[in-house]
């Protein structure tokens, strides 16, 4: 069955006249919707590093347009080797922003291959087409994941999700939230078709996701924007909900998947997988093709980003801990494939324990 879900949320705007990508400032949400135009590679890099834009697919899309912006700056250089070197130096700046999300490197490598093919063209327009292809293909992959996920999971009531794996993290419906949106759309459609015996409406438990609060600030905002019933919880509430049989399934996104299907995702995902396993709750991961790493064999090989300890000690700039306290901020953790019920992909369902 094809996806029927839709969302009005998108983190990107492209201006043909100025050839400028603008991104919604995800640090300002949900208090205000503030759009930031990106004019040079350093602005693109800062937006990724500072988490103004975040989510693995969205980071890849942003980097692709950053690569194109670099090409427009250097395209007039007559010396072919120098032109390539300047653009690839900017590619390295973009690649150095965040180490865990493989979509970043996938998109940049794809743009570099397009550069090699079109370096002698009169304009860098082919690179712009490639960047748009990366964006539009992500939209299509999101729809396919949504359909496959809804087919596999079927009617359901209470879903728990972690961090933000929605439209704000991608170019389309989202990964985990794309599946949730599709389940919601199908159950709403069934309710219209059978008003006397409607299925129970979907409800989503939203982990707040410390320390950046992507669940509280972004996922709740997206779900409410699309009229999907949701309840915000603190991260340490999840186990209690499972114990009380208030969670039917867990669906999360991913930032990198190793060859053996170990999954790197937002810190706290591993703990949820352990809890789900103990309580016999299915644990699903939704991820596009660009999240699968063709090189790394296991999750032990995935680089885990460590961010500033100040991000743990402050919320919205407000100090919540002693200023001299030590803190550690691992941005991601790795969930072993043995704890994953299924990985939802654009090409269908992978069951890691059966591969």
Protein backbone atom coordinates (compact mmCIF):
# COMPACT_ATOMS: atom_id res chain seq x y z
CA UNK A 1 0.00 0.00 0.00
CA UNK A 2 1.32 3.44 -0.92
CA UNK A 3 1.80 6.07 1.78
CA UNK A 4 -1.13 8.44 2.26
CA UNK A 5 0.30 10.54 5.11
CA UNK A 6 1.25 14.15 4.58
CA UNK A 7 2.95 16.86 6.61
CA UNK A 8 3.23 20.60 6.20
CA UNK A 9 6.51 20.67 8.11
CA UNK A 10 9.78 21.14 6.18
CA UNK A 11 13.10 22.52 7.45
CA UNK A 12 14.23 23.88 4.05
CA UNK A 13 13.33 26.71 1.68
CA UNK A 14 15.10 27.32 -1.60
CA UNK A 15 15.06 30.75 -3.30
CA UNK A 16 15.64 30.40 -7.05
CA UNK A 17 16.23 34.11 -7.50
CA UNK A 18 19.01 34.43 -4.93
CA UNK A 19 20.17 30.79 -5.20
CA UNK A 20 19.99 30.57 -1.43
CA UNK A 21 18.94 27.77 0.91
CA UNK A 22 17.22 28.90 4.11
CA UNK A 23 16.78 26.59 7.08
CA UNK A 24 14.39 26.81 10.00
CA UNK A 25 16.29 27.52 13.20
CA UNK A 26 15.61 24.37 15.21
CA UNK A 27 17.13 25.94 18.30
CA UNK A 28 14.38 28.59 18.27
CA UNK A 29 11.51 26.11 18.05
CA UNK A 30 8.87 25.84 19.40
CA UNK A 31 8.81 29.41 20.69
CA UNK A 32 9.22 30.94 17.24
CA UNK A 33 9.71 29.99 13.62
CA UNK A 34 12.87 31.74 12.52
CA UNK A 35 14.39 31.15 9.08
CA UNK A 36 18.12 31.59 8.43
CA UNK A 37 19.51 32.05 4.89
CA UNK A 38 22.88 30.37 4.32
CA UNK A 39 25.25 32.28 2.05
CA UNK A 40 28.67 30.64 2.43
CA UNK A 41 30.28 27.36 3.45
CA UNK A 42 31.17 28.53 6.95
CA UNK A 43 27.54 29.42 7.62
CA UNK A 44 26.52 25.95 6.45
CA UNK A 45 29.15 24.35 8.66
CA UNK A 46 28.16 26.41 11.70
CA UNK A 47 24.49 25.56 11.20
CA UNK A 48 25.32 21.85 11.29
CA UNK A 49 27.82 22.03 14.16
CA UNK A 50 25.60 24.22 16.33
CA UNK A 51 22.53 22.02 15.64
CA UNK A 52 20.53 24.79 14.03
CA UNK A 53 19.85 21.99 11.55
CA UNK A 54 20.03 18.41 12.82
CA UNK A 55 18.86 14.92 11.97
CA UNK A 56 21.05 12.72 9.80
CA UNK A 57 19.18 13.05 6.46
CA UNK A 58 18.68 16.80 6.93
CA UNK A 59 22.37 17.24 7.68
CA UNK A 60 23.21 15.42 4.43
CA UNK A 61 20.84 17.60 2.41
CA UNK A 62 22.21 20.77 3.98
CA UNK A 63 25.80 19.71 3.28
CA UNK A 64 24.93 19.01 -0.38
CA UNK A 65 23.66 22.56 -0.84
CA UNK A 66 26.71 23.85 1.03
CA UNK A 67 28.89 22.01 -1.48
CA UNK A 68 26.97 23.66 -4.33
CA UNK A 69 27.39 27.07 -2.68
CA UNK A 70 31.14 26.49 -2.55
CA UNK A 71 31.13 25.57 -6.24
CA UNK A 72 29.37 28.81 -7.19
CA UNK A 73 32.03 30.77 -5.29
CA UNK A 74 34.99 29.06 -6.96
CA UNK A 75 33.63 28.15 -10.39
CA UNK A 76 35.16 31.18 -12.14
CA UNK A 77 38.71 30.07 -11.27
CA UNK A 78 40.43 29.34 -14.58
CA UNK A 79 42.86 26.74 -13.32
CA UNK A 80 40.95 23.46 -13.21
CA UNK A 81 43.07 21.85 -10.47
CA UNK A 82 42.90 24.92 -8.26
CA UNK A 83 39.13 25.14 -8.67
CA UNK A 84 38.72 21.52 -7.65
CA UNK A 85 41.11 21.96 -4.71
CA UNK A 86 39.22 24.98 -3.38
CA UNK A 87 35.87 23.22 -3.55
CA UNK A 88 37.22 20.04 -1.96
CA UNK A 89 38.80 22.12 0.82
CA UNK A 90 35.31 23.47 1.56
CA UNK A 91 34.00 19.89 1.44
CA UNK A 92 36.47 19.04 4.21
CA UNK A 93 35.11 21.91 6.33
CA UNK A 94 31.59 20.53 5.95
CA UNK A 95 32.73 16.96 6.64
CA UNK A 96 34.39 18.01 9.90
CA UNK A 97 31.14 19.27 11.44
CA UNK A 98 29.68 16.07 12.95
CA UNK A 99 31.35 12.65 13.04
CA UNK A 100 28.53 10.17 13.64
CA UNK A 101 25.81 10.75 11.02
CA UNK A 102 26.99 8.90 7.93
CA UNK A 103 24.46 10.72 5.71
CA UNK A 104 26.75 13.75 5.88
CA UNK A 105 29.67 11.93 4.28
CA UNK A 106 27.40 10.05 1.85
CA UNK A 107 25.97 13.31 0.51
CA UNK A 108 29.34 15.05 0.28
CA UNK A 109 30.93 12.10 -1.52
CA UNK A 110 28.05 12.05 -3.96
CA UNK A 111 28.52 15.78 -4.63
CA UNK A 112 32.26 15.23 -5.09
CA UNK A 113 31.55 12.58 -7.74
CA UNK A 114 29.25 15.01 -9.52
CA UNK A 115 32.00 17.63 -9.37
CA UNK A 116 34.44 15.23 -11.01
CA UNK A 117 31.95 14.60 -13.83
CA UNK A 118 30.97 18.22 -14.42
CA UNK A 119 34.13 20.15 -13.54
CA UNK A 120 34.49 21.41 -17.12
CA UNK A 121 30.89 22.61 -17.48
CA UNK A 122 30.25 26.29 -18.06
CA UNK A 123 28.22 26.57 -14.84
CA UNK A 124 27.81 24.47 -11.68
CA UNK A 125 24.12 23.92 -12.42
CA UNK A 126 24.60 20.13 -12.51
CA UNK A 127 25.73 20.27 -8.87
CA UNK A 128 22.54 22.10 -7.95
CA UNK A 129 20.54 19.37 -9.68
CA UNK A 130 22.49 16.77 -7.69
CA UNK A 131 21.72 18.56 -4.41
CA UNK A 132 18.04 18.69 -5.30
CA UNK A 133 18.14 15.02 -6.27
CA UNK A 134 19.50 14.18 -2.81
CA UNK A 135 16.66 16.17 -1.24
CA UNK A 136 13.90 14.76 -3.46
CA UNK A 137 15.15 11.19 -3.14
CA UNK A 138 14.95 11.57 0.63
CA UNK A 139 11.33 12.70 0.30
CA UNK A 140 10.61 9.58 -1.75
CA UNK A 141 12.47 7.29 0.66
CA UNK A 142 10.48 8.73 3.57
CA UNK A 143 7.21 7.85 1.82
CA UNK A 144 8.37 4.30 1.09
CA UNK A 145 9.56 3.81 4.69
CA UNK A 146 6.23 5.11 5.98
CA UNK A 147 4.31 2.62 3.84
CA UNK A 148 6.54 -0.35 4.69
CA UNK A 149 6.50 0.51 8.38
CA UNK A 150 2.72 0.89 8.55
CA UNK A 151 2.28 -2.38 6.63
CA UNK A 152 4.58 -4.22 9.06
CA UNK A 153 3.28 -2.75 12.31
CA UNK A 154 -0.41 -2.54 11.44
CA UNK A 155 -3.06 -0.89 13.65
CA UNK A 156 -1.61 0.15 17.00
CA UNK A 157 -2.40 2.56 19.79
CA UNK A 158 0.53 3.62 21.99
CA UNK A 159 3.90 4.28 20.35
CA UNK A 160 6.97 5.66 22.10
CA UNK A 161 9.60 7.61 20.17
CA UNK A 162 12.89 9.21 21.12
CA UNK A 163 14.58 12.43 19.96
CA UNK A 164 13.25 13.87 16.68
CA UNK A 165 13.13 11.63 13.61
CA UNK A 166 10.49 13.66 11.84
CA UNK A 167 10.13 16.09 8.96
CA UNK A 168 12.53 18.49 10.70
CA UNK A 169 15.23 15.81 10.58
CA UNK A 170 14.73 14.91 6.90
CA UNK A 171 13.54 16.27 3.59
CA UNK A 172 10.09 14.68 3.81
CA UNK A 173 7.70 12.98 6.24
CA UNK A 174 10.44 11.84 8.55
CA UNK A 175 11.82 8.39 9.35
CA UNK A 176 10.26 7.24 12.64
CA UNK A 177 7.66 10.01 12.55
CA UNK A 178 6.98 9.24 8.91
CA UNK A 179 5.91 5.73 9.94
CA UNK A 180 3.87 7.17 12.81
CA UNK A 181 2.21 9.69 10.49
CA UNK A 182 1.29 6.90 8.08
CA UNK A 183 -0.19 4.70 10.82
CA UNK A 184 -2.18 7.70 12.05
CA UNK A 185 -3.41 8.49 8.51
CA UNK A 186 -4.51 4.90 7.89
CA UNK A 187 -6.33 4.60 11.20
CA UNK A 188 -8.08 7.92 10.57
CA UNK A 189 -9.09 6.66 7.12
CA UNK A 190 -10.45 3.43 8.62
CA UNK A 191 -12.45 5.46 11.14
CA UNK A 192 -14.14 7.31 8.28
CA UNK A 193 -14.86 4.08 6.45
CA UNK A 194 -16.23 2.31 9.53
CA UNK A 195 -17.62 5.04 11.80
CA UNK A 196 -19.53 2.51 13.94
CA UNK A 197 -16.40 0.46 14.73
CA UNK A 198 -13.49 2.90 14.43
CA UNK A 199 -10.00 1.72 15.40
CA UNK A 200 -8.48 3.26 18.51
CA UNK A 201 -6.72 6.51 17.61
CA UNK A 202 -2.94 6.51 17.70
CA UNK A 203 -1.19 8.08 20.67
CA UNK A 204 2.52 8.92 20.86
CA UNK A 205 4.68 9.08 23.98
CA UNK A 206 7.41 11.66 23.31
CA UNK A 207 10.69 11.36 25.21
CA UNK A 208 11.96 14.85 26.04
CA UNK A 209 15.50 13.77 24.99
CA UNK A 210 18.00 15.58 27.15
CA UNK A 211 20.13 17.57 26.87
CA UNK A 212 18.95 19.31 23.67
CA UNK A 213 15.28 18.44 24.26
CA UNK A 214 14.62 17.54 20.64
CA UNK A 215 11.60 15.51 21.70
CA UNK A 216 10.10 18.25 23.83
CA UNK A 217 10.87 21.11 21.47
CA UNK A 218 10.61 19.47 18.04
CA UNK A 219 8.78 16.14 18.02
CA UNK A 220 5.90 17.39 20.16
CA UNK A 221 5.70 20.49 17.96
CA UNK A 222 5.55 18.38 14.78
CA UNK A 223 2.92 15.98 16.09
CA UNK A 224 0.69 18.75 17.39
CA UNK A 225 1.17 20.59 14.09
CA UNK A 226 -0.29 17.52 12.34
CA UNK A 227 -3.04 16.92 14.94
CA UNK A 228 -1.56 13.65 16.21
CA UNK A 229 -2.31 12.95 19.85
CA UNK A 230 0.87 12.93 21.92
CA UNK A 231 2.09 13.16 25.50
CA UNK A 232 5.49 14.52 26.52
CA UNK A 233 7.41 12.55 29.14
CA UNK A 234 10.76 12.86 30.85
CA UNK A 235 13.29 10.36 29.55
CA UNK A 236 13.30 8.40 32.81
CA UNK A 237 9.52 7.80 32.60
CA UNK A 238 9.76 5.31 29.72
CA UNK A 239 10.46 2.24 31.88
CA UNK A 240 7.43 2.95 34.07
CA UNK A 241 5.15 3.23 31.03
CA UNK A 242 6.40 -0.10 29.72
CA UNK A 243 5.92 -1.73 33.12
CA UNK A 244 2.31 -0.45 33.14
CA UNK A 245 1.74 -1.88 29.63
CA UNK A 246 1.17 1.57 28.15
CA UNK A 247 3.62 1.14 25.25
CA UNK A 248 2.78 -1.12 22.30
CA UNK A 249 5.87 -0.38 20.20
CA UNK A 250 8.93 1.85 20.06
CA UNK A 251 9.99 3.51 16.81
CA UNK A 252 13.21 5.51 16.49
CA UNK A 253 15.41 6.87 13.73
CA UNK A 254 19.12 6.26 13.13
CA UNK A 255 22.29 8.19 12.37
CA UNK A 256 24.43 5.27 11.19
CA UNK A 257 23.86 1.55 10.68
CA UNK A 258 26.81 -0.83 10.48
CA UNK A 259 27.02 -3.86 8.19
CA UNK A 260 25.83 -6.18 10.98
CA UNK A 261 22.82 -3.82 11.58
CA UNK A 262 24.06 -2.33 14.85
CA UNK A 263 22.46 1.13 15.02
CA UNK A 264 23.86 4.45 16.24
CA UNK A 265 21.17 6.88 17.28
CA UNK A 266 20.55 9.64 19.80
CA UNK A 267 21.88 8.93 23.27
CA UNK A 268 19.28 7.01 25.27
CA UNK A 269 18.21 4.77 22.39
CA UNK A 270 20.22 1.81 23.69
CA UNK A 271 18.53 2.07 27.09
CA UNK A 272 15.10 2.03 25.43
CA UNK A 273 16.05 -1.06 23.43
CA UNK A 274 17.10 -2.90 26.59
CA UNK A 275 13.84 -1.92 28.29
CA UNK A 276 11.81 -2.98 25.27
CA UNK A 277 13.56 -6.34 25.20
CA UNK A 278 12.86 -6.94 28.90
CA UNK A 279 9.18 -5.99 28.53
CA UNK A 280 8.71 -7.88 25.23
CA UNK A 281 7.85 -4.73 23.29
CA UNK A 282 8.79 -4.53 19.59
CA UNK A 283 11.61 -2.10 18.89
CA UNK A 284 11.73 -0.62 15.37
CA UNK A 285 14.33 1.54 13.62
CA UNK A 286 13.42 3.55 10.51
CA UNK A 287 16.27 4.66 8.25
CA UNK A 288 16.88 5.65 4.60
CA UNK A 289 19.51 4.07 2.36
CA UNK A 290 21.96 6.88 3.12
CA UNK A 291 22.13 5.85 6.81
CA UNK A 292 23.64 2.43 6.06
CA UNK A 293 27.42 2.52 6.26
CA UNK A 294 28.97 0.25 3.61
CA UNK A 295 32.35 0.20 5.36
CA UNK A 296 31.95 -0.25 9.11
CA UNK A 297 31.38 -3.87 10.10
CA UNK A 298 29.91 -3.41 13.58
CA UNK A 299 28.69 -0.70 15.91
CA UNK A 300 32.00 -0.89 17.77
CA UNK A 301 33.57 0.92 14.81
CA UNK A 302 31.17 3.90 14.88
CA UNK A 303 32.65 7.19 16.09
CA UNK A 304 30.51 8.60 18.90
CA UNK A 305 30.39 12.39 18.97
CA UNK A 306 31.12 14.04 22.30
CA UNK A 307 29.80 17.56 22.60
CA UNK A 308 30.42 20.36 25.10
CA UNK A 309 29.78 19.54 28.75
CA UNK A 310 28.20 22.98 28.99
CA UNK A 311 25.25 21.64 26.96
CA UNK A 312 24.51 19.24 29.85
CA UNK A 313 24.90 21.90 32.53
CA UNK A 314 22.59 24.42 30.89
CA UNK A 315 19.06 24.47 29.47
CA UNK A 316 18.28 27.36 27.13
CA UNK A 317 21.35 29.13 28.46
CA UNK A 318 20.29 28.78 32.09
CA UNK A 319 22.82 27.09 34.35
CA UNK A 320 21.20 24.12 36.15
CA UNK A 321 24.31 22.65 37.80
CA UNK A 322 27.23 23.98 39.84
CA UNK A 323 29.42 25.92 37.40
CA UNK A 324 32.50 23.90 38.39
CA UNK A 325 30.78 20.50 38.07
CA UNK A 326 32.21 18.06 35.55
CA UNK A 327 29.79 16.73 32.93
CA UNK A 328 29.99 14.46 29.91
CA UNK A 329 27.86 14.69 26.80
CA UNK A 330 27.81 11.70 24.50
CA UNK A 331 25.51 12.69 21.64
CA UNK A 332 24.83 9.10 20.48
CA UNK A 333 24.94 5.51 21.60
CA UNK A 334 24.94 2.19 19.74
CA UNK A 335 22.10 -0.34 19.95
CA UNK A 336 23.21 -3.91 19.14
CA UNK A 337 21.26 -5.51 16.32
CA UNK A 338 20.18 -8.33 18.65
CA UNK A 339 17.84 -5.89 20.42
CA UNK A 340 16.16 -4.65 17.23
CA UNK A 341 12.89 -6.21 16.07
CA UNK A 342 13.12 -4.74 12.57
CA UNK A 343 14.75 -1.98 10.55
CA UNK A 344 12.27 -0.19 8.29
CA UNK A 345 13.91 0.87 5.02
CA UNK A 346 12.69 2.26 1.68
CA UNK A 347 13.20 -1.22 0.23
CA UNK A 348 11.31 -3.13 2.86
CA UNK A 349 11.82 -4.64 6.31
CA UNK A 350 15.10 -6.03 7.63
CA UNK A 351 14.97 -8.35 10.63
CA UNK A 352 18.54 -8.27 11.97
CA UNK A 353 18.18 -11.38 14.10
CA UNK A 354 17.23 -13.42 11.05
CA UNK A 355 20.05 -12.21 8.76
